[in-house]
């Protein structure tokens, strides 16, 4: 695991002025089902309580119909000293069984703020040895400096940026989509 020495003091260090017209807009309704896995070389950062938990330019993005992308970060780019295993696991019909992680910084625990697929199903091997974070359970996640908005609802871990458009599954009333 690579040690990350720089910390983020405030969320204000992230750029929030990224213009939509500089990037191609993606509709989540053009994403496939079953989901696809795409390598993403933009800088992805996860910060909590003033500490950089993860930073990478080698993320794996999972794209699935009606969901904002979920970013999975290589475990060597995650400061795993801030992670502790959490009880329970869930099953995804595509990716397999997920294990959960608490993020603990300064004695404060963000419960089940991250997850991973230790033995992903065939077709999702790129997720092995990666960790995904719920952007709504840590202080800040960013993609190329743009602050991420969490996917509505709290169950899914999608990352909404200015180049992603919905409507998104997860909000009340969308469970039947």
Foldseek 3Di string as FASTA:
>chain_A
DDDDDDWAQDLVVFDAPDDLVVDAADELQPAAPVKAKDWAQWWKWFHAPGGTQFIGRTWIWIRYRQAAIWTWAALNRGNCVQWDWDDDWDADPQFGIKTFIWGHDPNDILGRQKIARCPTDPNVVVRHRIMTGQQVSGDFMDTNRHTWDGQEAPPDRHTDDSRYDHNHARHPPRPVD
